[in-house]
Amino acid sequence: MKPLNYAILKYFTTIKEASADDVIEALKAQYGNFKALRKPAVVEALMTAEANGLLEETRYEFDQNKELRVFYHAHKEGADTINSYIK
């Protein structure tokens, strides 16, 4: 099993875009018991990946509870970097 942050980054190389909620839903079967698979921690991981140039924000919207959902994707260079370090 990969470390959770690696799994989050690797997930973005397999999809068009995702929000923190999407990441949690996609990884909960394997990582659901991890304390770091909670929204604040996942948002922090995504923002860190964006700050490091691996992901970029694609859009945002409000959900039915009026909470902001930010969507990210791995651009080509980011995906190439992720794939070169995480097999």
PDB file of N, CA and C in Angstrom:
ATOM      1  N   MET A   1       0.855  -1.178   0.000  1.00  0.00           N
ATOM      2  CA  MET A   1       0.000   0.000   0.000  1.00  0.00           C
ATOM      3  C   MET A   1       0.905   1.246   0.000  1.00  0.00           C
ATOM      4  N   LYS A   2       0.585   2.162  -0.885  1.00  0.00           N
ATOM      5  CA  LYS A   2       1.321   3.428  -0.960  1.00  0.00           C
ATOM      6  C   LYS A   2       0.952   4.334   0.220  1.00  0.00           C
ATOM      7  N   PRO A   3       1.856   5.240   0.599  1.00  0.00           N
ATOM      8  CA  PRO A   3       1.458   6.275   1.559  1.00  0.00           C
ATOM      9  C   PRO A   3       0.271   7.063   0.997  1.00  0.00           C
ATOM     10  N   LEU A   4      -0.585   7.550   1.851  1.00  0.00           N
ATOM     11  CA  LEU A   4      -1.804   8.231   1.418  1.00  0.00           C
ATOM     12  C   LEU A   4      -1.518   9.395   0.482  1.00  0.00           C
ATOM     13  N   ASN A   5      -0.560  10.241   0.807  1.00  0.00           N
ATOM     14  CA  ASN A   5      -0.284  11.386  -0.075  1.00  0.00           C
ATOM     15  C   ASN A   5       0.160  10.940  -1.457  1.00  0.00           C
ATOM     16  N   TYR A   6       0.895   9.836  -1.545  1.00  0.00           N
ATOM     17  CA  TYR A   6       1.273   9.289  -2.849  1.00  0.00           C
ATOM     18  C   TYR A   6       0.026   8.820  -3.591  1.00  0.00           C
ATOM     19  N   ALA A   7      -0.867   8.150  -2.877  1.00  0.00           N
ATOM     20  CA  ALA A   7      -2.096   7.653  -3.511  1.00  0.00           C
ATOM     21  C   ALA A   7      -2.945   8.813  -4.026  1.00  0.00           C
ATOM     22  N   ILE A   8      -2.991   9.905  -3.272  1.00  0.00           N
ATOM     23  CA  ILE A   8      -3.747  11.082  -3.713  1.00  0.00           C
ATOM     24  C   ILE A   8      -3.153  11.622  -5.007  1.00  0.00           C
ATOM     25  N   LEU A   9      -1.852  11.808  -5.033  1.00  0.00           N
ATOM     26  CA  LEU A   9      -1.207  12.325  -6.241  1.00  0.00           C
ATOM     27  C   LEU A   9      -1.383  11.375  -7.411  1.00  0.00           C
ATOM     28  N   LYS A  10      -1.174  10.101  -7.181  1.00  0.00           N
ATOM     29  CA  LYS A  10      -1.303   9.113  -8.261  1.00  0.00           C
ATOM     30  C   LYS A  10      -2.728   9.086  -8.807  1.00  0.00           C
ATOM     31  N   TYR A  11      -3.710   9.266  -7.944  1.00  0.00           N
ATOM     32  CA  TYR A  11      -5.108   9.307  -8.375  1.00  0.00           C
ATOM     33  C   TYR A  11      -5.321  10.392  -9.437  1.00  0.00           C
ATOM     34  N   PHE A  12      -4.661  11.517  -9.266  1.00  0.00           N
ATOM     35  CA  PHE A  12      -4.837  12.617 -10.216  1.00  0.00           C
ATOM     36  C   PHE A  12      -4.229  12.329 -11.584  1.00  0.00           C
ATOM     37  N   THR A  13      -3.406  11.310 -11.696  1.00  0.00           N
ATOM     38  CA  THR A  13      -2.871  10.937 -13.004  1.00  0.00           C
ATOM     39  C   THR A  13      -3.824  10.021 -13.757  1.00  0.00           C
ATOM     40  N   THR A  14      -4.926   9.639 -13.106  1.00  0.00           N
ATOM     41  CA  THR A  14      -5.863   8.695 -13.725  1.00  0.00           C
ATOM     42  C   THR A  14      -7.218   9.319 -14.058  1.00  0.00           C
ATOM     43  N   ILE A  15      -7.417  10.575 -13.688  1.00  0.00           N
ATOM     44  CA  ILE A  15      -8.723  11.216 -13.878  1.00  0.00           C
ATOM     45  C   ILE A  15      -8.546  12.591 -14.512  1.00  0.00           C
ATOM     46  N   LYS A  16      -9.654  13.136 -15.007  1.00  0.00           N
ATOM     47  CA  LYS A  16      -9.612  14.467 -15.625  1.00  0.00           C
ATOM     48  C   LYS A  16      -9.484  15.566 -14.578  1.00  0.00           C
ATOM     49  N   GLU A  17     -10.309  15.514 -13.542  1.00  0.00           N
ATOM     50  CA  GLU A  17     -10.258  16.485 -12.452  1.00  0.00           C
ATOM     51  C   GLU A  17     -10.999  15.910 -11.264  1.00  0.00           C
ATOM     52  N   ALA A  18     -10.731  16.473 -10.084  1.00  0.00           N
ATOM     53  CA  ALA A  18     -11.399  16.000  -8.872  1.00  0.00           C
ATOM     54  C   ALA A  18     -11.301  17.056  -7.785  1.00  0.00           C
ATOM     55  N   SER A  19     -12.250  16.981  -6.860  1.00  0.00           N
ATOM     56  CA  SER A  19     -12.241  17.828  -5.666  1.00  0.00           C
ATOM     57  C   SER A  19     -11.793  16.966  -4.488  1.00  0.00           C
ATOM     58  N   ALA A  20     -11.621  17.577  -3.340  1.00  0.00           N
ATOM     59  CA  ALA A  20     -11.254  16.828  -2.131  1.00  0.00           C
ATOM     60  C   ALA A  20     -12.299  15.757  -1.828  1.00  0.00           C
ATOM     61  N   ASP A  21     -13.566  16.095  -1.999  1.00  0.00           N
ATOM     62  CA  ASP A  21     -14.631  15.113  -1.756  1.00  0.00           C
ATOM     63  C   ASP A  21     -14.501  13.918  -2.700  1.00  0.00           C
ATOM     64  N   ASP A  22     -14.164  14.176  -3.958  1.00  0.00           N
ATOM     65  CA  ASP A  22     -13.981  13.097  -4.931  1.00  0.00           C
ATOM     66  C   ASP A  22     -12.816  12.194  -4.537  1.00  0.00           C
ATOM     67  N   VAL A  23     -11.723  12.808  -4.079  1.00  0.00           N
ATOM     68  CA  VAL A  23     -10.546  12.053  -3.656  1.00  0.00           C
ATOM     69  C   VAL A  23     -10.912  11.143  -2.484  1.00  0.00           C
ATOM     70  N   ILE A  24     -11.600  11.691  -1.507  1.00  0.00           N
ATOM     71  CA  ILE A  24     -12.000  10.911  -0.335  1.00  0.00           C
ATOM     72  C   ILE A  24     -12.868   9.731  -0.748  1.00  0.00           C
ATOM     73  N   GLU A  25     -13.824   9.984  -1.604  1.00  0.00           N
ATOM     74  CA  GLU A  25     -14.718   8.920  -2.069  1.00  0.00           C
ATOM     75  C   GLU A  25     -13.945   7.838  -2.823  1.00  0.00           C
ATOM     76  N   ALA A  26     -13.010   8.249  -3.673  1.00  0.00           N
ATOM     77  CA  ALA A  26     -12.252   7.293  -4.480  1.00  0.00           C
ATOM     78  C   ALA A  26     -11.302   6.446  -3.639  1.00  0.00           C
ATOM     79  N   LEU A  27     -10.760   7.015  -2.575  1.00  0.00           N
ATOM     80  CA  LEU A  27      -9.742   6.311  -1.794  1.00  0.00           C
ATOM     81  C   LEU A  27     -10.252   5.687  -0.491  1.00  0.00           C
ATOM     82  N   LYS A  28     -11.514   5.902  -0.161  1.00  0.00           N
ATOM     83  CA  LYS A  28     -11.991   5.448   1.148  1.00  0.00           C
ATOM     84  C   LYS A  28     -12.021   3.938   1.296  1.00  0.00           C
ATOM     85  N   ALA A  29     -12.177   3.188   0.226  1.00  0.00           N
ATOM     86  CA  ALA A  29     -12.178   1.726   0.346  1.00  0.00           C
ATOM     87  C   ALA A  29     -10.834   1.221   0.859  1.00  0.00           C
ATOM     88  N   GLN A  30      -9.748   1.825   0.396  1.00  0.00           N
ATOM     89  CA  GLN A  30      -8.430   1.372   0.790  1.00  0.00           C
ATOM     90  C   GLN A  30      -7.855   2.150   1.980  1.00  0.00           C
ATOM     91  N   TYR A  31      -8.196   3.439   2.094  1.00  0.00           N
ATOM     92  CA  TYR A  31      -7.587   4.302   3.104  1.00  0.00           C
ATOM     93  C   TYR A  31      -8.602   4.874   4.092  1.00  0.00           C
ATOM     94  N   GLY A  32      -9.800   4.354   4.122  1.00  0.00           N
ATOM     95  CA  GLY A  32     -10.867   4.905   4.939  1.00  0.00           C
ATOM     96  C   GLY A  32     -10.577   4.991   6.424  1.00  0.00           C
ATOM     97  N   ASN A  33      -9.687   4.148   6.924  1.00  0.00           N
ATOM     98  CA  ASN A  33      -9.377   4.187   8.350  1.00  0.00           C
ATOM     99  C   ASN A  33      -8.222   5.136   8.676  1.00  0.00           C
ATOM    100  N   PHE A  34      -7.656   5.794   7.662  1.00  0.00           N
ATOM    101  CA  PHE A  34      -6.568   6.745   7.882  1.00  0.00           C
ATOM    102  C   PHE A  34      -7.136   8.068   8.378  1.00  0.00           C
ATOM    103  N   LYS A  35      -6.549   8.589   9.434  1.00  0.00           N
ATOM    104  CA  LYS A  35      -6.980   9.881   9.973  1.00  0.00           C
ATOM    105  C   LYS A  35      -6.791  11.007   8.952  1.00  0.00           C
ATOM    106  N   ALA A  36      -5.786  10.885   8.107  1.00  0.00           N
ATOM    107  CA  ALA A  36      -5.492  11.926   7.118  1.00  0.00           C
ATOM    108  C   ALA A  36      -6.467  11.919   5.940  1.00  0.00           C
ATOM    109  N   LEU A  37      -7.342  10.914   5.858  1.00  0.00           N
ATOM    110  CA  LEU A  37      -8.336  10.908   4.776  1.00  0.00           C
ATOM    111  C   LEU A  37      -9.607  11.590   5.266  1.00  0.00           C
ATOM    112  N   ARG A  38      -9.434  12.778   5.752  1.00  0.00           N
ATOM    113  CA  ARG A  38     -10.534  13.644   6.169  1.00  0.00           C
ATOM    114  C   ARG A  38     -10.391  14.933   5.385  1.00  0.00           C
ATOM    115  N   LYS A  39     -11.497  15.595   5.169  1.00  0.00           N
ATOM    116  CA  LYS A  39     -11.505  16.725   4.253  1.00  0.00           C
ATOM    117  C   LYS A  39     -10.433  17.781   4.543  1.00  0.00           C
ATOM    118  N   PRO A  40     -10.269  18.252   5.758  1.00  0.00           N
ATOM    119  CA  PRO A  40      -9.231  19.286   5.983  1.00  0.00           C
ATOM    120  C   PRO A  40      -7.828  18.825   5.576  1.00  0.00           C
ATOM    121  N   ALA A  41      -7.494  17.578   5.871  1.00  0.00           N
ATOM    122  CA  ALA A  41      -6.174  17.060   5.533  1.00  0.00           C
ATOM    123  C   ALA A  41      -6.019  16.865   4.026  1.00  0.00           C
ATOM    124  N   VAL A  42      -7.066  16.407   3.358  1.00  0.00           N
ATOM    125  CA  VAL A  42      -7.007  16.221   1.906  1.00  0.00           C
ATOM    126  C   VAL A  42      -6.915  17.577   1.207  1.00  0.00           C
ATOM    127  N   VAL A  43      -7.680  18.555   1.663  1.00  0.00           N
ATOM    128  CA  VAL A  43      -7.590  19.903   1.090  1.00  0.00           C
ATOM    129  C   VAL A  43      -6.167  20.429   1.243  1.00  0.00           C
ATOM    130  N   GLU A  44      -5.579  20.232   2.405  1.00  0.00           N
ATOM    131  CA  GLU A  44      -4.198  20.683   2.628  1.00  0.00           C
ATOM    132  C   GLU A  44      -3.234  19.977   1.677  1.00  0.00           C
ATOM    133  N   ALA A  45      -3.402  18.670   1.475  1.00  0.00           N
ATOM    134  CA  ALA A  45      -2.544  17.918   0.557  1.00  0.00           C
ATOM    135  C   ALA A  45      -2.682  18.438  -0.873  1.00  0.00           C
ATOM    136  N   LEU A  46      -3.913  18.740  -1.281  1.00  0.00           N
ATOM    137  CA  LEU A  46      -4.138  19.250  -2.640  1.00  0.00           C
ATOM    138  C   LEU A  46      -3.529  20.635  -2.815  1.00  0.00           C
ATOM    139  N   MET A  47      -3.688  21.478  -1.813  1.00  0.00           N
ATOM    140  CA  MET A  47      -3.118  22.826  -1.900  1.00  0.00           C
ATOM    141  C   MET A  47      -1.584  22.779  -1.902  1.00  0.00           C
ATOM    142  N   THR A  48      -1.016  21.855  -1.161  1.00  0.00           N
ATOM    143  CA  THR A  48       0.440  21.687  -1.160  1.00  0.00           C
ATOM    144  C   THR A  48       0.919  21.208  -2.524  1.00  0.00           C
ATOM    145  N   ALA A  49       0.207  20.250  -3.104  1.00  0.00           N
ATOM    146  CA  ALA A  49       0.568  19.758  -4.436  1.00  0.00           C
ATOM    147  C   ALA A  49       0.458  20.877  -5.468  1.00  0.00           C
ATOM    148  N   GLU A  50      -0.549  21.726  -5.323  1.00  0.00           N
ATOM    149  CA  GLU A  50      -0.681  22.865  -6.235  1.00  0.00           C
ATOM    150  C   GLU A  50       0.484  23.835  -6.049  1.00  0.00           C
ATOM    151  N   ALA A  51       0.825  24.142  -4.816  1.00  0.00           N
ATOM    152  CA  ALA A  51       1.932  25.063  -4.535  1.00  0.00           C
ATOM    153  C   ALA A  51       3.257  24.521  -5.064  1.00  0.00           C
ATOM    154  N   ASN A  52       3.382  23.196  -5.103  1.00  0.00           N
ATOM    155  CA  ASN A  52       4.604  22.570  -5.603  1.00  0.00           C
ATOM    156  C   ASN A  52       4.572  22.328  -7.109  1.00  0.00           C
ATOM    157  N   GLY A  53       3.513  22.762  -7.779  1.00  0.00           N
ATOM    158  CA  GLY A  53       3.445  22.675  -9.234  1.00  0.00           C
ATOM    159  C   GLY A  53       3.020  21.337  -9.790  1.00  0.00           C
ATOM    160  N   LEU A  54       2.509  20.444  -8.958  1.00  0.00           N
ATOM    161  CA  LEU A  54       2.078  19.134  -9.442  1.00  0.00           C
ATOM    162  C   LEU A  54       0.630  19.126  -9.907  1.00  0.00           C
ATOM    163  N   LEU A  55      -0.198  19.936  -9.282  1.00  0.00           N
ATOM    164  CA  LEU A  55      -1.613  20.055  -9.638  1.00  0.00           C
ATOM    165  C   LEU A  55      -1.925  21.514  -9.924  1.00  0.00           C
ATOM    166  N   GLU A  56      -3.025  21.730 -10.629  1.00  0.00           N
ATOM    167  CA  GLU A  56      -3.509  23.095 -10.788  1.00  0.00           C
ATOM    168  C   GLU A  56      -5.025  23.112 -10.654  1.00  0.00           C
ATOM    169  N   GLU A  57      -5.505  24.234 -10.166  1.00  0.00           N
ATOM    170  CA  GLU A  57      -6.940  24.422  -9.978  1.00  0.00           C
ATOM    171  C   GLU A  57      -7.602  24.544 -11.343  1.00  0.00           C
ATOM    172  N   THR A  58      -8.734  23.846 -11.513  1.00  0.00           N
ATOM    173  CA  THR A  58      -9.452  23.921 -12.782  1.00  0.00           C
ATOM    174  C   THR A  58     -10.736  24.731 -12.679  1.00  0.00           C
ATOM    175  N   ARG A  59     -11.429  24.595 -11.564  1.00  0.00           N
ATOM    176  CA  ARG A  59     -12.690  25.324 -11.385  1.00  0.00           C
ATOM    177  C   ARG A  59     -13.132  25.195  -9.943  1.00  0.00           C
ATOM    178  N   TYR A  60     -14.192  25.895  -9.612  1.00  0.00           N
ATOM    179  CA  TYR A  60     -14.780  25.776  -8.284  1.00  0.00           C
ATOM    180  C   TYR A  60     -16.277  25.969  -8.394  1.00  0.00           C
ATOM    181  N   GLU A  61     -16.984  25.449  -7.399  1.00  0.00           N
ATOM    182  CA  GLU A  61     -18.443  25.573  -7.344  1.00  0.00           C
ATOM    183  C   GLU A  61     -18.869  25.415  -5.891  1.00  0.00           C
ATOM    184  N   PHE A  62     -20.098  25.748  -5.622  1.00  0.00           N
ATOM    185  CA  PHE A  62     -20.669  25.533  -4.304  1.00  0.00           C
ATOM    186  C   PHE A  62     -21.520  24.275  -4.341  1.00  0.00           C
ATOM    187  N   ASP A  63     -21.411  23.451  -3.302  1.00  0.00           N
ATOM    188  CA  ASP A  63     -22.246  22.262  -3.236  1.00  0.00           C
ATOM    189  C   ASP A  63     -23.612  22.617  -2.656  1.00  0.00           C
ATOM    190  N   GLN A  64     -24.456  21.608  -2.438  1.00  0.00           N
ATOM    191  CA  GLN A  64     -25.809  21.850  -1.946  1.00  0.00           C
ATOM    192  C   GLN A  64     -25.827  22.451  -0.549  1.00  0.00           C
ATOM    193  N   ASN A  65     -24.731  22.302   0.201  1.00  0.00           N
ATOM    194  CA  ASN A  65     -24.633  22.882   1.542  1.00  0.00           C
ATOM    195  C   ASN A  65     -23.951  24.250   1.540  1.00  0.00           C
ATOM    196  N   LYS A  66     -23.758  24.800   0.353  1.00  0.00           N
ATOM    197  CA  LYS A  66     -23.104  26.108   0.173  1.00  0.00           C
ATOM    198  C   LYS A  66     -21.634  26.085   0.605  1.00  0.00           C
ATOM    199  N   GLU A  67     -21.008  24.904   0.541  1.00  0.00           N
ATOM    200  CA  GLU A  67     -19.580  24.779   0.803  1.00  0.00           C
ATOM    201  C   GLU A  67     -18.836  24.840  -0.528  1.00  0.00           C
ATOM    202  N   LEU A  68     -17.721  25.523  -0.524  1.00  0.00           N
ATOM    203  CA  LEU A  68     -16.916  25.659  -1.733  1.00  0.00           C
ATOM    204  C   LEU A  68     -16.221  24.339  -2.053  1.00  0.00           C
ATOM    205  N   ARG A  69     -16.341  23.904  -3.296  1.00  0.00           N
ATOM    206  CA  ARG A  69     -15.628  22.729  -3.801  1.00  0.00           C
ATOM    207  C   ARG A  69     -14.655  23.213  -4.867  1.00  0.00           C
ATOM    208  N   VAL A  70     -13.393  22.985  -4.640  1.00  0.00           N
ATOM    209  CA  VAL A  70     -12.350  23.370  -5.590  1.00  0.00           C
ATOM    210  C   VAL A  70     -11.900  22.113  -6.317  1.00  0.00           C
ATOM    211  N   PHE A  71     -11.812  22.195  -7.624  1.00  0.00           N
ATOM    212  CA  PHE A  71     -11.403  21.061  -8.447  1.00  0.00           C
ATOM    213  C   PHE A  71      -9.986  21.290  -8.955  1.00  0.00           C
ATOM    214  N   TYR A  72      -9.225  20.208  -9.008  1.00  0.00           N
ATOM    215  CA  TYR A  72      -7.833  20.243  -9.460  1.00  0.00           C
ATOM    216  C   TYR A  72      -7.631  19.178 -10.532  1.00  0.00           C
ATOM    217  N   HIS A  73      -6.552  19.353 -11.287  1.00  0.00           N
ATOM    218  CA  HIS A  73      -6.119  18.296 -12.190  1.00  0.00           C
ATOM    219  C   HIS A  73      -4.600  18.312 -12.263  1.00  0.00           C
ATOM    220  N   ALA A  74      -4.047  17.194 -12.693  1.00  0.00           N
ATOM    221  CA  ALA A  74      -2.602  17.102 -12.910  1.00  0.00           C
ATOM    222  C   ALA A  74      -2.349  17.441 -14.370  1.00  0.00           C
ATOM    223  N   HIS A  75      -1.728  18.581 -14.623  1.00  0.00           N
ATOM    224  CA  HIS A  75      -1.350  18.944 -15.990  1.00  0.00           C
ATOM    225  C   HIS A  75      -0.249  17.986 -16.454  1.00  0.00           C
ATOM    226  N   LYS A  76       0.110  18.032 -17.708  1.00  0.00           N
ATOM    227  CA  LYS A  76       1.046  17.060 -18.274  1.00  0.00           C
ATOM    228  C   LYS A  76       2.363  17.004 -17.504  1.00  0.00           C
ATOM    229  N   GLU A  77       2.957  18.150 -17.234  1.00  0.00           N
ATOM    230  CA  GLU A  77       4.241  18.166 -16.529  1.00  0.00           C
ATOM    231  C   GLU A  77       4.098  17.620 -15.109  1.00  0.00           C
ATOM    232  N   GLY A  78       2.994  17.992 -14.445  1.00  0.00           N
ATOM    233  CA  GLY A  78       2.748  17.484 -13.099  1.00  0.00           C
ATOM    234  C   GLY A  78       2.542  15.981 -13.092  1.00  0.00           C
ATOM    235  N   ALA A  79       1.744  15.487 -14.039  1.00  0.00           N
ATOM    236  CA  ALA A  79       1.495  14.047 -14.135  1.00  0.00           C
ATOM    237  C   ALA A  79       2.787  13.300 -14.449  1.00  0.00           C
ATOM    238  N   ASP A  80       3.612  13.852 -15.349  1.00  0.00           N
ATOM    239  CA  ASP A  80       4.893  13.221 -15.675  1.00  0.00           C
ATOM    240  C   ASP A  80       5.792  13.142 -14.443  1.00  0.00           C
ATOM    241  N   THR A  81       5.820  14.221 -13.666  1.00  0.00           N
ATOM    242  CA  THR A  81       6.632  14.238 -12.446  1.00  0.00           C
ATOM    243  C   THR A  81       6.109  13.227 -11.437  1.00  0.00           C
ATOM    244  N   ILE A  82       4.799  13.209 -11.223  1.00  0.00           N
ATOM    245  CA  ILE A  82       4.192  12.252 -10.290  1.00  0.00           C
ATOM    246  C   ILE A  82       4.523  10.830 -10.723  1.00  0.00           C
ATOM    247  N   ASN A  83       4.328  10.541 -12.000  1.00  0.00           N
ATOM    248  CA  ASN A  83       4.565   9.180 -12.503  1.00  0.00           C
ATOM    249  C   ASN A  83       6.042   8.787 -12.467  1.00  0.00           C
ATOM    250  N   SER A  84       6.943   9.758 -12.565  1.00  0.00           N
ATOM    251  CA  SER A  84       8.363   9.418 -12.513  1.00  0.00           C
ATOM    252  C   SER A  84       8.806   9.068 -11.095  1.00  0.00           C
ATOM    253  N   TYR A  85       8.145   9.609 -10.087  1.00  0.00           N
ATOM    254  CA  TYR A  85       8.512   9.342  -8.696  1.00  0.00           C
ATOM    255  C   TYR A  85       7.670   8.262  -8.037  1.00  0.00           C
ATOM    256  N   ILE A  86       6.433   8.126  -8.471  1.00  0.00           N
ATOM    257  CA  ILE A  86       5.521   7.153  -7.841  1.00  0.00           C
ATOM    258  C   ILE A  86       5.121   6.137  -8.900  1.00  0.00           C
ATOM    259  N   LYS A  87       5.611   4.953  -8.765  1.00  0.00           N
ATOM    260  CA  LYS A  87       5.326   3.899  -9.746  1.00  0.00           C
ATOM    261  C   LYS A  87       4.022   3.205  -9.471  1.00  0.00           C
TER     262      LYS A  87
END
